[in-house]
PDB file of N, CA and C in Angstrom:
ATOM      1  N   MET A   1       1.363  35.717  -4.406  1.00  0.00           N
ATOM      2  CA  MET A   1       1.694  34.311  -4.192  1.00  0.00           C
ATOM      3  C   MET A   1       0.544  33.633  -3.434  1.00  0.00           C
ATOM      4  N   SER A   2       0.149  32.511  -3.921  1.00  0.00           N
ATOM      5  CA  SER A   2      -0.954  31.763  -3.320  1.00  0.00           C
ATOM      6  C   SER A   2      -0.444  30.961  -2.126  1.00  0.00           C
ATOM      7  N   ASN A   3      -1.274  30.858  -1.115  1.00  0.00           N
ATOM      8  CA  ASN A   3      -0.924  30.007   0.015  1.00  0.00           C
ATOM      9  C   ASN A   3      -1.749  28.729  -0.041  1.00  0.00           C
ATOM     10  N   GLU A   4      -2.081  28.343  -1.275  1.00  0.00           N
ATOM     11  CA  GLU A   4      -2.838  27.120  -1.484  1.00  0.00           C
ATOM     12  C   GLU A   4      -1.950  25.927  -1.137  1.00  0.00           C
ATOM     13  N   ILE A   5      -2.451  25.061  -0.282  1.00  0.00           N
ATOM     14  CA  ILE A   5      -1.702  23.880   0.141  1.00  0.00           C
ATOM     15  C   ILE A   5      -2.078  22.684  -0.728  1.00  0.00           C
ATOM     16  N   CYS A   6      -3.376  22.486  -0.921  1.00  0.00           N
ATOM     17  CA  CYS A   6      -3.857  21.366  -1.729  1.00  0.00           C
ATOM     18  C   CYS A   6      -4.310  21.901  -3.084  1.00  0.00           C
ATOM     19  N   ASN A   7      -3.486  21.687  -4.092  1.00  0.00           N
ATOM     20  CA  ASN A   7      -3.820  22.165  -5.435  1.00  0.00           C
ATOM     21  C   ASN A   7      -5.001  21.427  -6.033  1.00  0.00           C
ATOM     22  N   CYS A   8      -5.132  20.142  -5.743  1.00  0.00           N
ATOM     23  CA  CYS A   8      -6.222  19.343  -6.322  1.00  0.00           C
ATOM     24  C   CYS A   8      -7.593  19.851  -5.874  1.00  0.00           C
ATOM     25  N   MET A   9      -7.698  20.207  -4.598  1.00  0.00           N
ATOM     26  CA  MET A   9      -8.985  20.609  -4.025  1.00  0.00           C
ATOM     27  C   MET A   9      -9.089  22.116  -3.795  1.00  0.00           C
ATOM     28  N   GLY A  10      -8.004  22.859  -4.063  1.00  0.00           N
ATOM     29  CA  GLY A  10      -8.023  24.301  -3.899  1.00  0.00           C
ATOM     30  C   GLY A  10      -8.137  24.747  -2.452  1.00  0.00           C
ATOM     31  N   ILE A  11      -7.504  24.026  -1.540  1.00  0.00           N
ATOM     32  CA  ILE A  11      -7.601  24.319  -0.110  1.00  0.00           C
ATOM     33  C   ILE A  11      -6.372  25.120   0.327  1.00  0.00           C
ATOM     34  N   THR A  12      -6.630  26.229   1.036  1.00  0.00           N
ATOM     35  CA  THR A  12      -5.544  27.096   1.486  1.00  0.00           C
ATOM     36  C   THR A  12      -5.075  26.724   2.885  1.00  0.00           C
ATOM     37  N   ARG A  13      -3.929  27.280   3.241  1.00  0.00           N
ATOM     38  CA  ARG A  13      -3.371  27.101   4.583  1.00  0.00           C
ATOM     39  C   ARG A  13      -4.370  27.563   5.646  1.00  0.00           C
ATOM     40  N   GLU A  14      -4.990  28.727   5.432  1.00  0.00           N
ATOM     41  CA  GLU A  14      -5.946  29.269   6.398  1.00  0.00           C
ATOM     42  C   GLU A  14      -7.148  28.344   6.576  1.00  0.00           C
ATOM     43  N   GLU A  15      -7.626  27.780   5.471  1.00  0.00           N
ATOM     44  CA  GLU A  15      -8.767  26.861   5.561  1.00  0.00           C
ATOM     45  C   GLU A  15      -8.417  25.633   6.399  1.00  0.00           C
ATOM     46  N   ILE A  16      -7.209  25.133   6.229  1.00  0.00           N
ATOM     47  CA  ILE A  16      -6.773  23.968   7.006  1.00  0.00           C
ATOM     48  C   ILE A  16      -6.655  24.335   8.482  1.00  0.00           C
ATOM     49  N   ILE A  17      -6.028  25.473   8.765  1.00  0.00           N
ATOM     50  CA  ILE A  17      -5.870  25.914  10.159  1.00  0.00           C
ATOM     51  C   ILE A  17      -7.232  26.124  10.803  1.00  0.00           C
ATOM     52  N   ASN A  18      -8.137  26.798  10.117  1.00  0.00           N
ATOM     53  CA  ASN A  18      -9.469  27.053  10.668  1.00  0.00           C
ATOM     54  C   ASN A  18     -10.221  25.752  10.940  1.00  0.00           C
ATOM     55  N   ALA A  19     -10.131  24.805  10.005  1.00  0.00           N
ATOM     56  CA  ALA A  19     -10.812  23.521  10.188  1.00  0.00           C
ATOM     57  C   ALA A  19     -10.220  22.756  11.375  1.00  0.00           C
ATOM     58  N   CYS A  20      -8.905  22.820  11.522  1.00  0.00           N
ATOM     59  CA  CYS A  20      -8.247  22.132  12.634  1.00  0.00           C
ATOM     60  C   CYS A  20      -8.699  22.700  13.962  1.00  0.00           C
ATOM     61  N   LYS A  21      -8.759  24.022  14.043  1.00  0.00           N
ATOM     62  CA  LYS A  21      -9.162  24.670  15.295  1.00  0.00           C
ATOM     63  C   LYS A  21     -10.641  24.444  15.582  1.00  0.00           C
ATOM     64  N   ALA A  22     -11.476  24.552  14.565  1.00  0.00           N
ATOM     65  CA  ALA A  22     -12.927  24.403  14.757  1.00  0.00           C
ATOM     66  C   ALA A  22     -13.304  22.972  15.112  1.00  0.00           C
ATOM     67  N   GLY A  23     -12.636  22.008  14.484  1.00  0.00           N
ATOM     68  CA  GLY A  23     -13.000  20.610  14.691  1.00  0.00           C
ATOM     69  C   GLY A  23     -12.049  19.832  15.563  1.00  0.00           C
ATOM     70  N   ASN A  24     -11.056  20.538  16.146  1.00  0.00           N
ATOM     71  CA  ASN A  24     -10.049  19.876  16.974  1.00  0.00           C
ATOM     72  C   ASN A  24      -9.399  18.714  16.212  1.00  0.00           C
ATOM     73  N   LEU A  25      -9.036  18.970  14.963  1.00  0.00           N
ATOM     74  CA  LEU A  25      -8.449  17.935  14.107  1.00  0.00           C
ATOM     75  C   LEU A  25      -6.998  17.718  14.481  1.00  0.00           C
ATOM     76  N   LYS A  26      -6.586  16.458  14.522  1.00  0.00           N
ATOM     77  CA  LYS A  26      -5.234  16.109  14.962  1.00  0.00           C
ATOM     78  C   LYS A  26      -4.440  15.309  13.935  1.00  0.00           C
ATOM     79  N   THR A  27      -5.105  14.771  12.901  1.00  0.00           N
ATOM     80  CA  THR A  27      -4.405  13.925  11.936  1.00  0.00           C
ATOM     81  C   THR A  27      -4.670  14.407  10.509  1.00  0.00           C
ATOM     82  N   VAL A  28      -3.784  14.000   9.616  1.00  0.00           N
ATOM     83  CA  VAL A  28      -3.955  14.313   8.197  1.00  0.00           C
ATOM     84  C   VAL A  28      -5.273  13.740   7.689  1.00  0.00           C
ATOM     85  N   GLU A  29      -5.630  12.552   8.173  1.00  0.00           N
ATOM     86  CA  GLU A  29      -6.873  11.908   7.737  1.00  0.00           C
ATOM     87  C   GLU A  29      -8.087  12.729   8.150  1.00  0.00           C
ATOM     88  N   GLU A  30      -8.062  13.261   9.375  1.00  0.00           N
ATOM     89  CA  GLU A  30      -9.178  14.097   9.838  1.00  0.00           C
ATOM     90  C   GLU A  30      -9.282  15.377   9.007  1.00  0.00           C
ATOM     91  N   VAL A  31      -8.134  15.962   8.673  1.00  0.00           N
ATOM     92  CA  VAL A  31      -8.141  17.162   7.827  1.00  0.00           C
ATOM     93  C   VAL A  31      -8.734  16.824   6.465  1.00  0.00           C
ATOM     94  N   GLY A  32      -8.366  15.671   5.912  1.00  0.00           N
ATOM     95  CA  GLY A  32      -8.903  15.246   4.625  1.00  0.00           C
ATOM     96  C   GLY A  32     -10.407  15.058   4.655  1.00  0.00           C
ATOM     97  N   GLU A  33     -10.903  14.456   5.725  1.00  0.00           N
ATOM     98  CA  GLU A  33     -12.347  14.240   5.853  1.00  0.00           C
ATOM     99  C   GLU A  33     -13.098  15.558   5.979  1.00  0.00           C
ATOM    100  N   ALA A  34     -12.502  16.519   6.697  1.00  0.00           N
ATOM    101  CA  ALA A  34     -13.170  17.791   6.952  1.00  0.00           C
ATOM    102  C   ALA A  34     -13.084  18.764   5.779  1.00  0.00           C
ATOM    103  N   THR A  35     -11.951  18.742   5.057  1.00  0.00           N
ATOM    104  CA  THR A  35     -11.725  19.764   4.025  1.00  0.00           C
ATOM    105  C   THR A  35     -11.554  19.204   2.620  1.00  0.00           C
ATOM    106  N   GLY A  36     -11.203  17.930   2.513  1.00  0.00           N
ATOM    107  CA  GLY A  36     -10.871  17.353   1.212  1.00  0.00           C
ATOM    108  C   GLY A  36      -9.389  17.446   0.899  1.00  0.00           C
ATOM    109  N   ALA A  37      -8.654  18.241   1.672  1.00  0.00           N
ATOM    110  CA  ALA A  37      -7.216  18.403   1.424  1.00  0.00           C
ATOM    111  C   ALA A  37      -6.488  17.085   1.617  1.00  0.00           C
ATOM    112  N   GLY A  38      -5.613  16.762   0.677  1.00  0.00           N
ATOM    113  CA  GLY A  38      -4.831  15.538   0.766  1.00  0.00           C
ATOM    114  C   GLY A  38      -5.520  14.320   0.214  1.00  0.00           C
ATOM    115  N   THR A  39      -6.736  14.487  -0.304  1.00  0.00           N
ATOM    116  CA  THR A  39      -7.484  13.325  -0.787  1.00  0.00           C
ATOM    117  C   THR A  39      -7.400  13.155  -2.302  1.00  0.00           C
ATOM    118  N   GLY A  40      -6.707  14.082  -2.977  1.00  0.00           N
ATOM    119  CA  GLY A  40      -6.536  13.961  -4.423  1.00  0.00           C
ATOM    120  C   GLY A  40      -5.292  13.145  -4.710  1.00  0.00           C
ATOM    121  N   CYS A  41      -4.238  13.835  -5.142  1.00  0.00           N
ATOM    122  CA  CYS A  41      -2.997  13.138  -5.504  1.00  0.00           C
ATOM    123  C   CYS A  41      -2.160  12.775  -4.291  1.00  0.00           C
ATOM    124  N   GLY A  42      -2.404  13.452  -3.144  1.00  0.00           N
ATOM    125  CA  GLY A  42      -1.644  13.162  -1.936  1.00  0.00           C
ATOM    126  C   GLY A  42      -0.334  13.915  -1.823  1.00  0.00           C
ATOM    127  N   GLY A  43      -0.046  14.767  -2.781  1.00  0.00           N
ATOM    128  CA  GLY A  43       1.220  15.495  -2.784  1.00  0.00           C
ATOM    129  C   GLY A  43       1.360  16.516  -1.668  1.00  0.00           C
ATOM    130  N   CYS A  44       0.272  16.882  -1.027  1.00  0.00           N
ATOM    131  CA  CYS A  44       0.314  17.906   0.019  1.00  0.00           C
ATOM    132  C   CYS A  44       0.277  17.326   1.427  1.00  0.00           C
ATOM    133  N   ILE A  45       0.306  16.018   1.550  1.00  0.00           N
ATOM    134  CA  ILE A  45       0.177  15.391   2.873  1.00  0.00           C
ATOM    135  C   ILE A  45       1.275  15.845   3.823  1.00  0.00           C
ATOM    136  N   ASP A  46       2.508  15.954   3.345  1.00  0.00           N
ATOM    137  CA  ASP A  46       3.599  16.416   4.208  1.00  0.00           C
ATOM    138  C   ASP A  46       3.354  17.851   4.660  1.00  0.00           C
ATOM    139  N   ASP A  47       2.822  18.691   3.763  1.00  0.00           N
ATOM    140  CA  ASP A  47       2.522  20.076   4.119  1.00  0.00           C
ATOM    141  C   ASP A  47       1.409  20.144   5.157  1.00  0.00           C
ATOM    142  N   ILE A  48       0.404  19.306   5.011  1.00  0.00           N
ATOM    143  CA  ILE A  48      -0.687  19.266   5.993  1.00  0.00           C
ATOM    144  C   ILE A  48      -0.144  18.832   7.345  1.00  0.00           C
ATOM    145  N   GLN A  49       0.711  17.829   7.360  1.00  0.00           N
ATOM    146  CA  GLN A  49       1.300  17.361   8.615  1.00  0.00           C
ATOM    147  C   GLN A  49       2.122  18.471   9.261  1.00  0.00           C
ATOM    148  N   GLN A  50       2.841  19.233   8.462  1.00  0.00           N
ATOM    149  CA  GLN A  50       3.639  20.334   8.996  1.00  0.00           C
ATOM    150  C   GLN A  50       2.738  21.382   9.655  1.00  0.00           C
ATOM    151  N   ILE A  51       1.608  21.689   9.032  1.00  0.00           N
ATOM    152  CA  ILE A  51       0.652  22.632   9.621  1.00  0.00           C
ATOM    153  C   ILE A  51       0.126  22.080  10.942  1.00  0.00           C
ATOM    154  N   LEU A  52      -0.231  20.809  10.962  1.00  0.00           N
ATOM    155  CA  LEU A  52      -0.710  20.185  12.202  1.00  0.00           C
ATOM    156  C   LEU A  52       0.343  20.272  13.306  1.00  0.00           C
ATOM    157  N   ASP A  53       1.593  20.010  12.951  1.00  0.00           N
ATOM    158  CA  ASP A  53       2.681  20.077  13.933  1.00  0.00           C
ATOM    159  C   ASP A  53       2.831  21.493  14.481  1.00  0.00           C
ATOM    160  N   GLU A  54       2.670  22.486  13.612  1.00  0.00           N
ATOM    161  CA  GLU A  54       2.834  23.886  14.016  1.00  0.00           C
ATOM    162  C   GLU A  54       1.742  24.331  14.982  1.00  0.00           C
ATOM    163  N   ILE A  55       0.518  23.871  14.781  1.00  0.00           N
ATOM    164  CA  ILE A  55      -0.589  24.388  15.601  1.00  0.00           C
ATOM    165  C   ILE A  55      -0.882  23.536  16.828  1.00  0.00           C
ATOM    166  N   GLN A  56      -0.250  22.393  16.937  1.00  0.00           N
ATOM    167  CA  GLN A  56      -0.508  21.541  18.115  1.00  0.00           C
ATOM    168  C   GLN A  56       0.495  21.802  19.216  1.00  0.00           C
TER     169      GLN A  56
END
């Protein structure tokens, strides 16, 4: 089973978590700028927000 969060950009949960920790990212927009996640169709924005909530 894939843990891909952003299907459009092929970004995984681990990539998002690592980018958040490395860049001190706090918003979905910052994650999008750093990784591209959430910048395609936008269907993963809620999932990205959930990850942000979990790690903050």
